[in-house]
């Protein structure tokens, strides 16, 4: 949050803040920044955002798989399904 205004009323200081924004949003709203720079920044931002999202999805999938593999209830169901598929008891 960016400080917009600071007032002093006797010994008390009252501060007013702007809405919370990312640095990217502030740059995109700034009229002094060149449009070409904004375009390049937007391309980079989209790539970084999608890459981070992909990493987070993979991490959560691994956590889910690990939870399923270690949980006895699910482990038994997986083994039963495997037995059914290959027709052999393990």
Protein backbone atom coordinates (compact mmCIF):
# COMPACT_ATOMS: atom_id res chain seq x y z
CA UNK A 1 0.00 0.00 0.00
CA UNK A 2 1.24 3.40 -0.90
CA UNK A 3 0.94 6.32 1.50
CA UNK A 4 -1.18 9.07 -0.08
CA UNK A 5 -1.61 11.52 2.76
CA UNK A 6 -0.38 12.10 6.29
CA UNK A 7 -2.11 14.58 8.63
CA UNK A 8 -1.20 15.57 12.13
CA UNK A 9 -4.00 16.40 14.58
CA UNK A 10 -2.23 17.42 17.76
CA UNK A 11 -0.19 14.41 18.83
CA UNK A 12 -2.09 12.01 16.58
CA UNK A 13 -0.97 11.24 13.00
CA UNK A 14 -3.62 10.11 10.52
CA UNK A 15 -2.38 8.26 7.44
CA UNK A 16 -4.36 7.55 4.26
CA UNK A 17 -3.23 4.79 1.94
CA UNK A 18 -3.96 4.02 -1.69
CA UNK A 19 -5.53 0.68 -2.58
CA UNK A 20 -3.02 -2.17 -2.57
CA UNK A 21 -1.52 -2.68 -6.04
CA UNK A 22 1.36 -4.68 -7.41
CA UNK A 23 4.33 -2.89 -8.92
CA UNK A 24 3.16 -4.18 -12.31
CA UNK A 25 -0.25 -2.49 -11.89
CA UNK A 26 1.35 0.78 -10.79
CA UNK A 27 3.65 0.80 -13.82
CA UNK A 28 0.76 0.04 -16.17
CA UNK A 29 -1.23 2.96 -14.74
CA UNK A 30 1.68 5.41 -14.91
CA UNK A 31 1.29 7.82 -17.86
CA UNK A 32 5.05 8.60 -18.01
CA UNK A 33 5.99 5.03 -18.98
CA UNK A 34 6.42 4.35 -22.70
CA UNK A 35 3.77 2.08 -24.33
CA UNK A 36 6.47 -0.16 -25.82
CA UNK A 37 7.92 -0.80 -22.37
CA UNK A 38 4.42 -1.57 -21.06
CA UNK A 39 3.84 -4.05 -23.89
CA UNK A 40 7.13 -5.88 -23.19
CA UNK A 41 6.41 -5.91 -19.49
CA UNK A 42 2.94 -7.38 -20.14
CA UNK A 43 4.47 -10.21 -22.20
CA UNK A 44 6.95 -11.01 -19.43
CA UNK A 45 4.25 -10.80 -16.77
CA UNK A 46 1.99 -13.26 -18.60
CA UNK A 47 4.87 -15.73 -19.05
CA UNK A 48 5.98 -15.50 -15.41
CA UNK A 49 2.43 -15.78 -14.15
CA UNK A 50 1.70 -18.89 -16.24
CA UNK A 51 5.03 -20.49 -15.32
CA UNK A 52 4.41 -19.97 -11.63
CA UNK A 53 0.90 -21.37 -11.97
CA UNK A 54 2.23 -24.47 -13.76
CA UNK A 55 4.85 -25.07 -11.04
CA UNK A 56 2.22 -24.68 -8.34
CA UNK A 57 -0.12 -27.15 -10.07
CA UNK A 58 2.65 -29.73 -10.42
CA UNK A 59 3.63 -29.28 -6.76
CA UNK A 60 0.04 -29.74 -5.59
CA UNK A 61 -0.43 -32.79 -7.83
CA UNK A 62 2.67 -34.39 -6.33
CA UNK A 63 1.33 -33.68 -2.84
CA UNK A 64 -2.00 -35.24 -3.76
CA UNK A 65 -0.36 -38.34 -5.26
CA UNK A 66 1.88 -38.73 -2.21
CA UNK A 67 -1.13 -38.44 0.10
CA UNK A 68 -3.04 -41.06 -1.87
CA UNK A 69 -0.05 -43.43 -1.99
CA UNK A 70 0.54 -43.27 1.77
CA UNK A 71 -3.10 -43.42 2.89
CA UNK A 72 -4.01 -47.07 3.71
CA UNK A 73 -7.60 -46.71 2.52
CA UNK A 74 -6.63 -45.46 -0.91
CA UNK A 75 -3.70 -47.83 -1.15
CA UNK A 76 -6.06 -50.80 -0.68
CA UNK A 77 -8.41 -49.47 -3.36
CA UNK A 78 -5.53 -48.97 -5.80
CA UNK A 79 -4.33 -52.55 -5.20
CA UNK A 80 -7.87 -53.89 -5.71
CA UNK A 81 -8.17 -51.97 -8.97
CA UNK A 82 -4.80 -53.30 -10.12
CA UNK A 83 -5.84 -56.86 -9.29
CA UNK A 84 -9.04 -56.39 -11.24
CA UNK A 85 -7.18 -55.06 -14.27
CA UNK A 86 -4.55 -57.81 -14.47
CA UNK A 87 -6.61 -60.58 -12.83
CA UNK A 88 -3.85 -61.55 -10.39
CA UNK A 89 -3.82 -61.18 -6.61
CA UNK A 90 -0.81 -59.35 -5.19
